[in-house]
Amino acid sequence: MTSSAVRVAILVAAVVLGAVIISKGFPTFDQAIAVPSRSPTPSPTGPSPSTSQTTPSATTPSPRQQGVKVAVYNATSAQGLAAVVAGKLQNKGGYVIPVIDNFPASQITLIYYRDAQGKADANLLKDKFLKDGHVTRLPPGTPVPKTVELAVVLGSDYAAGHPIG
């Protein structure tokens, strides 16, 4: 290859690379661009009841509790801990508990979710029943059945504050 052919090849590669970088760096017409909406003009007596500031957006899932499938795992040496918590979640929360089992030891209580709806549901479960739990996405390869929406792994932190018996 001559030196001019090498220069042409380098120039073509640089142009292609530049085009790829530019296409990834700028939004296209297909992407949503946030445009501030006009807020309604308040009436002399204040805002109308239909203009609530606390209404969740259409993309934010509403947290659910009734019928949510939750696996409850005991990651402590406290015998029966998962069964006690599962009973509480089922009787007081309306959760469906298809799995009660043991899990490798954990110092902290984890509440695993799979998707955006699961995250909303996991935060509700934490707020109502497992205040010290840590809400986190379920890592790939974790042995939790696919039919379960949330998985609670009870750690030694929970066992210390909630003795059974």
C-alpha atoms as a PDB file:
ATOM      1  CA  MET A   1       0.000   0.000   0.000  1.00  0.00           C
ATOM      2  CA  THR A   2       1.380   3.425  -0.863  1.00  0.00           C
ATOM      3  CA  SER A   3       1.541   6.240   1.646  1.00  0.00           C
ATOM      4  CA  SER A   4      -1.285   8.113  -0.111  1.00  0.00           C
ATOM      5  CA  ALA A   5      -3.532   5.052   0.101  1.00  0.00           C
ATOM      6  CA  VAL A   6      -2.772   4.745   3.843  1.00  0.00           C
ATOM      7  CA  ARG A   7      -3.652   8.432   4.296  1.00  0.00           C
ATOM      8  CA  VAL A   8      -6.947   7.966   2.477  1.00  0.00           C
ATOM      9  CA  ALA A   9      -7.785   4.910   4.634  1.00  0.00           C
ATOM     10  CA  ILE A  10      -7.000   6.850   7.827  1.00  0.00           C
ATOM     11  CA  LEU A  11      -9.086   9.813   6.627  1.00  0.00           C
ATOM     12  CA  VAL A  12     -12.074   7.553   5.826  1.00  0.00           C
ATOM     13  CA  ALA A  13     -11.799   5.843   9.244  1.00  0.00           C
ATOM     14  CA  ALA A  14     -11.655   9.242  10.985  1.00  0.00           C
ATOM     15  CA  VAL A  15     -14.750  10.460   9.128  1.00  0.00           C
ATOM     16  CA  VAL A  16     -16.727   7.301   9.987  1.00  0.00           C
ATOM     17  CA  LEU A  17     -15.660   7.463  13.640  1.00  0.00           C
ATOM     18  CA  GLY A  18     -16.582  11.148  13.822  1.00  0.00           C
ATOM     19  CA  ALA A  19     -20.016  10.455  12.327  1.00  0.00           C
ATOM     20  CA  VAL A  20     -20.674   7.714  14.897  1.00  0.00           C
ATOM     21  CA  ILE A  21     -19.625   9.958  17.786  1.00  0.00           C
ATOM     22  CA  ILE A  22     -21.786  12.835  16.561  1.00  0.00           C
ATOM     23  CA  SER A  23     -24.816  10.595  16.034  1.00  0.00           C
ATOM     24  CA  LYS A  24     -24.556   9.273  19.595  1.00  0.00           C
ATOM     25  CA  GLY A  25     -23.912  12.657  21.164  1.00  0.00           C
ATOM     26  CA  PHE A  26     -26.945  14.598  19.877  1.00  0.00           C
ATOM     27  CA  PRO A  27     -30.656  13.803  20.294  1.00  0.00           C
ATOM     28  CA  THR A  28     -32.713  12.859  17.275  1.00  0.00           C
ATOM     29  CA  PHE A  29     -36.303  13.761  16.533  1.00  0.00           C
ATOM     30  CA  ASP A  30     -37.346  10.330  17.821  1.00  0.00           C
ATOM     31  CA  GLN A  31     -36.112  11.132  21.311  1.00  0.00           C
ATOM     32  CA  ALA A  32     -38.393  13.004  23.665  1.00  0.00           C
ATOM     33  CA  ILE A  33     -37.270  16.541  24.384  1.00  0.00           C
ATOM     34  CA  ALA A  34     -38.575  17.994  27.610  1.00  0.00           C
ATOM     35  CA  VAL A  35     -40.572  21.131  26.952  1.00  0.00           C
ATOM     36  CA  PRO A  36     -41.923  22.974  29.958  1.00  0.00           C
ATOM     37  CA  SER A  37     -45.710  22.988  29.879  1.00  0.00           C
ATOM     38  CA  ARG A  38     -47.742  26.044  30.652  1.00  0.00           C
ATOM     39  CA  SER A  39     -49.237  25.850  34.081  1.00  0.00           C
ATOM     40  CA  PRO A  40     -52.886  26.774  34.432  1.00  0.00           C
ATOM     41  CA  THR A  41     -53.639  30.326  35.422  1.00  0.00           C
ATOM     42  CA  PRO A  42     -54.726  30.339  39.057  1.00  0.00           C
ATOM     43  CA  SER A  43     -58.192  31.691  39.760  1.00  0.00           C
ATOM     44  CA  PRO A  44     -58.540  34.636  42.136  1.00  0.00           C
ATOM     45  CA  THR A  45     -59.521  32.169  44.873  1.00  0.00           C
ATOM     46  CA  GLY A  46     -56.499  29.946  44.320  1.00  0.00           C
ATOM     47  CA  PRO A  47     -55.679  26.970  42.127  1.00  0.00           C
ATOM     48  CA  SER A  48     -58.517  24.768  40.984  1.00  0.00           C
ATOM     49  CA  PRO A  49     -58.856  21.362  42.682  1.00  0.00           C
ATOM     50  CA  SER A  50     -57.931  19.586  39.442  1.00  0.00           C
ATOM     51  CA  THR A  51     -54.410  21.072  39.378  1.00  0.00           C
ATOM     52  CA  SER A  52     -52.743  18.918  42.020  1.00  0.00           C
ATOM     53  CA  GLN A  53     -48.966  19.152  42.358  1.00  0.00           C
ATOM     54  CA  THR A  54     -48.705  15.701  43.969  1.00  0.00           C
ATOM     55  CA  THR A  55     -50.222  13.672  41.134  1.00  0.00           C
ATOM     56  CA  PRO A  56     -47.701  11.000  40.055  1.00  0.00           C
ATOM     57  CA  SER A  57     -46.656  11.038  36.431  1.00  0.00           C
ATOM     58  CA  ALA A  58     -47.973   8.425  34.026  1.00  0.00           C
ATOM     59  CA  THR A  59     -44.570   6.723  33.962  1.00  0.00           C
ATOM     60  CA  THR A  60     -44.311   6.275  37.742  1.00  0.00           C
ATOM     61  CA  PRO A  61     -45.915   2.976  38.773  1.00  0.00           C
ATOM     62  CA  SER A  62     -48.293   3.050  41.719  1.00  0.00           C
ATOM     63  CA  PRO A  63     -47.020   0.886  44.579  1.00  0.00           C
ATOM     64  CA  ARG A  64     -49.034  -2.286  45.144  1.00  0.00           C
ATOM     65  CA  GLN A  65     -49.335  -4.585  48.086  1.00  0.00           C
ATOM     66  CA  GLN A  66     -52.404  -6.811  47.616  1.00  0.00           C
ATOM     67  CA  GLY A  67     -51.501  -9.948  45.687  1.00  0.00           C
ATOM     68  CA  VAL A  68     -47.810  -9.130  45.135  1.00  0.00           C
ATOM     69  CA  LYS A  69     -45.797 -12.389  45.132  1.00  0.00           C
ATOM     70  CA  VAL A  70     -42.963 -12.227  47.673  1.00  0.00           C
ATOM     71  CA  ALA A  71     -40.356 -14.868  48.446  1.00  0.00           C
ATOM     72  CA  VAL A  72     -39.132 -14.673  52.046  1.00  0.00           C
ATOM     73  CA  TYR A  73     -35.668 -16.030  52.851  1.00  0.00           C
ATOM     74  CA  ASN A  74     -33.959 -16.494  56.211  1.00  0.00           C
ATOM     75  CA  ALA A  75     -30.262 -15.549  56.005  1.00  0.00           C
ATOM     76  CA  THR A  76     -29.702 -15.935  59.760  1.00  0.00           C
ATOM     77  CA  SER A  77     -29.363 -18.723  62.307  1.00  0.00           C
ATOM     78  CA  ALA A  78     -32.736 -17.789  63.888  1.00  0.00           C
ATOM     79  CA  GLN A  79     -34.976 -20.819  63.261  1.00  0.00           C
ATOM     80  CA  GLY A  80     -38.386 -19.981  61.757  1.00  0.00           C
ATOM     81  CA  LEU A  81     -37.696 -16.291  61.130  1.00  0.00           C
ATOM     82  CA  ALA A  82     -38.785 -16.410  57.478  1.00  0.00           C
ATOM     83  CA  ALA A  83     -42.026 -18.199  58.361  1.00  0.00           C
ATOM     84  CA  VAL A  84     -42.915 -15.594  61.008  1.00  0.00           C
ATOM     85  CA  VAL A  85     -42.253 -12.682  58.643  1.00  0.00           C
ATOM     86  CA  ALA A  86     -44.070 -14.427  55.772  1.00  0.00           C
ATOM     87  CA  GLY A  87     -47.144 -14.865  57.988  1.00  0.00           C
ATOM     88  CA  LYS A  88     -47.077 -11.195  58.928  1.00  0.00           C
ATOM     89  CA  LEU A  89     -46.741 -10.081  55.285  1.00  0.00           C
ATOM     90  CA  GLN A  90     -49.552 -12.377  54.208  1.00  0.00           C
ATOM     91  CA  ASN A  91     -51.990 -11.660  57.061  1.00  0.00           C
ATOM     92  CA  LYS A  92     -51.415  -7.936  57.573  1.00  0.00           C
ATOM     93  CA  GLY A  93     -50.243  -6.925  54.114  1.00  0.00           C
ATOM     94  CA  GLY A  94     -52.159  -9.102  51.688  1.00  0.00           C
ATOM     95  CA  TYR A  95     -48.975 -10.335  50.015  1.00  0.00           C
ATOM     96  CA  VAL A  96     -48.858 -13.773  48.382  1.00  0.00           C
ATOM     97  CA  ILE A  97     -45.957 -15.847  49.738  1.00  0.00           C
ATOM     98  CA  PRO A  98     -45.125 -18.701  47.345  1.00  0.00           C
ATOM     99  CA  VAL A  99     -41.605 -19.294  48.744  1.00  0.00           C
ATOM    100  CA  ILE A 100     -40.259 -19.529  52.306  1.00  0.00           C
ATOM    101  CA  ASP A 101     -36.702 -20.800  52.405  1.00  0.00           C
ATOM    102  CA  ASN A 102     -33.174 -20.304  53.699  1.00  0.00           C
ATOM    103  CA  PHE A 103     -30.521 -18.159  52.044  1.00  0.00           C
ATOM    104  CA  PRO A 104     -26.756 -17.782  52.499  1.00  0.00           C
ATOM    105  CA  ALA A 105     -25.897 -15.708  55.587  1.00  0.00           C
ATOM    106  CA  SER A 106     -26.345 -11.948  55.337  1.00  0.00           C
ATOM    107  CA  GLN A 107     -25.667  -9.164  57.799  1.00  0.00           C
ATOM    108  CA  ILE A 108     -28.276  -6.856  56.260  1.00  0.00           C
ATOM    109  CA  THR A 109     -31.893  -7.282  55.236  1.00  0.00           C
ATOM    110  CA  LEU A 110     -32.417  -6.936  51.491  1.00  0.00           C
ATOM    111  CA  ILE A 111     -35.577  -6.391  49.485  1.00  0.00           C
ATOM    112  CA  TYR A 112     -34.953  -7.364  45.879  1.00  0.00           C
ATOM    113  CA  TYR A 113     -37.040  -6.192  42.917  1.00  0.00           C
ATOM    114  CA  ARG A 114     -36.922  -6.886  39.158  1.00  0.00           C
ATOM    115  CA  ASP A 115     -38.375  -3.800  37.415  1.00  0.00           C
ATOM    116  CA  ALA A 116     -39.828  -0.305  37.963  1.00  0.00           C
ATOM    117  CA  GLN A 117     -43.126  -1.673  39.290  1.00  0.00           C
ATOM    118  CA  GLY A 118     -41.187  -3.972  41.609  1.00  0.00           C
ATOM    119  CA  LYS A 119     -39.132  -1.060  42.893  1.00  0.00           C
ATOM    120  CA  ALA A 120     -42.295   0.858  43.803  1.00  0.00           C
ATOM    121  CA  ASP A 121     -43.722  -2.256  45.487  1.00  0.00           C
ATOM    122  CA  ALA A 122     -40.427  -2.936  47.325  1.00  0.00           C
ATOM    123  CA  ASN A 123     -40.311   0.605  48.715  1.00  0.00           C
ATOM    124  CA  LEU A 124     -43.888   0.249  49.989  1.00  0.00           C
ATOM    125  CA  LEU A 125     -43.038  -3.089  51.633  1.00  0.00           C
ATOM    126  CA  LYS A 126     -39.978  -1.492  53.258  1.00  0.00           C
ATOM    127  CA  ASP A 127     -41.953   1.507  54.536  1.00  0.00           C
ATOM    128  CA  LYS A 128     -44.730  -0.615  56.025  1.00  0.00           C
ATOM    129  CA  PHE A 129     -42.985  -3.750  57.283  1.00  0.00           C
ATOM    130  CA  LEU A 130     -39.176  -3.776  56.961  1.00  0.00           C
ATOM    131  CA  LYS A 131     -38.020  -0.244  57.773  1.00  0.00           C
ATOM    132  CA  ASP A 132     -34.328  -1.228  58.012  1.00  0.00           C
ATOM    133  CA  GLY A 133     -34.382  -3.176  54.739  1.00  0.00           C
ATOM    134  CA  HIS A 134     -32.250  -2.148  51.778  1.00  0.00           C
ATOM    135  CA  VAL A 135     -34.131  -1.985  48.469  1.00  0.00           C
ATOM    136  CA  THR A 136     -32.003  -3.129  45.536  1.00  0.00           C
ATOM    137  CA  ARG A 137     -32.379  -4.617  42.061  1.00  0.00           C
ATOM    138  CA  LEU A 138     -32.172  -8.408  41.939  1.00  0.00           C
ATOM    139  CA  PRO A 139     -28.714  -9.309  40.618  1.00  0.00           C
ATOM    140  CA  PRO A 140     -28.538 -11.783  37.721  1.00  0.00           C
ATOM    141  CA  GLY A 141     -27.978 -15.355  38.823  1.00  0.00           C
ATOM    142  CA  THR A 142     -29.667 -14.933  42.218  1.00  0.00           C
ATOM    143  CA  PRO A 143     -31.618 -18.144  42.931  1.00  0.00           C
ATOM    144  CA  VAL A 144     -35.076 -16.561  43.098  1.00  0.00           C
ATOM    145  CA  PRO A 145     -37.924 -18.061  41.029  1.00  0.00           C
ATOM    146  CA  LYS A 146     -38.994 -15.951  38.039  1.00  0.00           C
ATOM    147  CA  THR A 147     -42.620 -16.089  39.221  1.00  0.00           C
ATOM    148  CA  VAL A 148     -41.746 -14.047  42.312  1.00  0.00           C
ATOM    149  CA  GLU A 149     -42.039 -10.265  42.081  1.00  0.00           C
ATOM    150  CA  LEU A 150     -40.066  -9.377  45.228  1.00  0.00           C
ATOM    151  CA  ALA A 151     -37.606 -11.308  47.380  1.00  0.00           C
ATOM    152  CA  VAL A 152     -36.954 -10.488  51.021  1.00  0.00           C
ATOM    153  CA  VAL A 153     -33.683 -11.742  52.494  1.00  0.00           C
ATOM    154  CA  LEU A 154     -33.825 -11.375  56.271  1.00  0.00           C
ATOM    155  CA  GLY A 155     -30.382 -10.535  57.600  1.00  0.00           C
ATOM    156  CA  SER A 156     -28.927 -10.635  61.086  1.00  0.00           C
ATOM    157  CA  ASP A 157     -29.829  -6.932  61.507  1.00  0.00           C
ATOM    158  CA  TYR A 158     -33.515  -7.872  61.325  1.00  0.00           C
ATOM    159  CA  ALA A 159     -33.114 -10.923  63.579  1.00  0.00           C
ATOM    160  CA  ALA A 160     -31.371  -8.833  66.257  1.00  0.00           C
ATOM    161  CA  GLY A 161     -34.257  -6.357  66.429  1.00  0.00           C
ATOM    162  CA  HIS A 162     -37.071  -8.917  66.082  1.00  0.00           C
ATOM    163  CA  PRO A 163     -36.417 -11.995  68.235  1.00  0.00           C
ATOM    164  CA  ILE A 164     -38.859 -14.881  67.761  1.00  0.00           C
ATOM    165  CA  GLY A 165     -40.472 -16.750  70.547  1.00  0.00           C
END
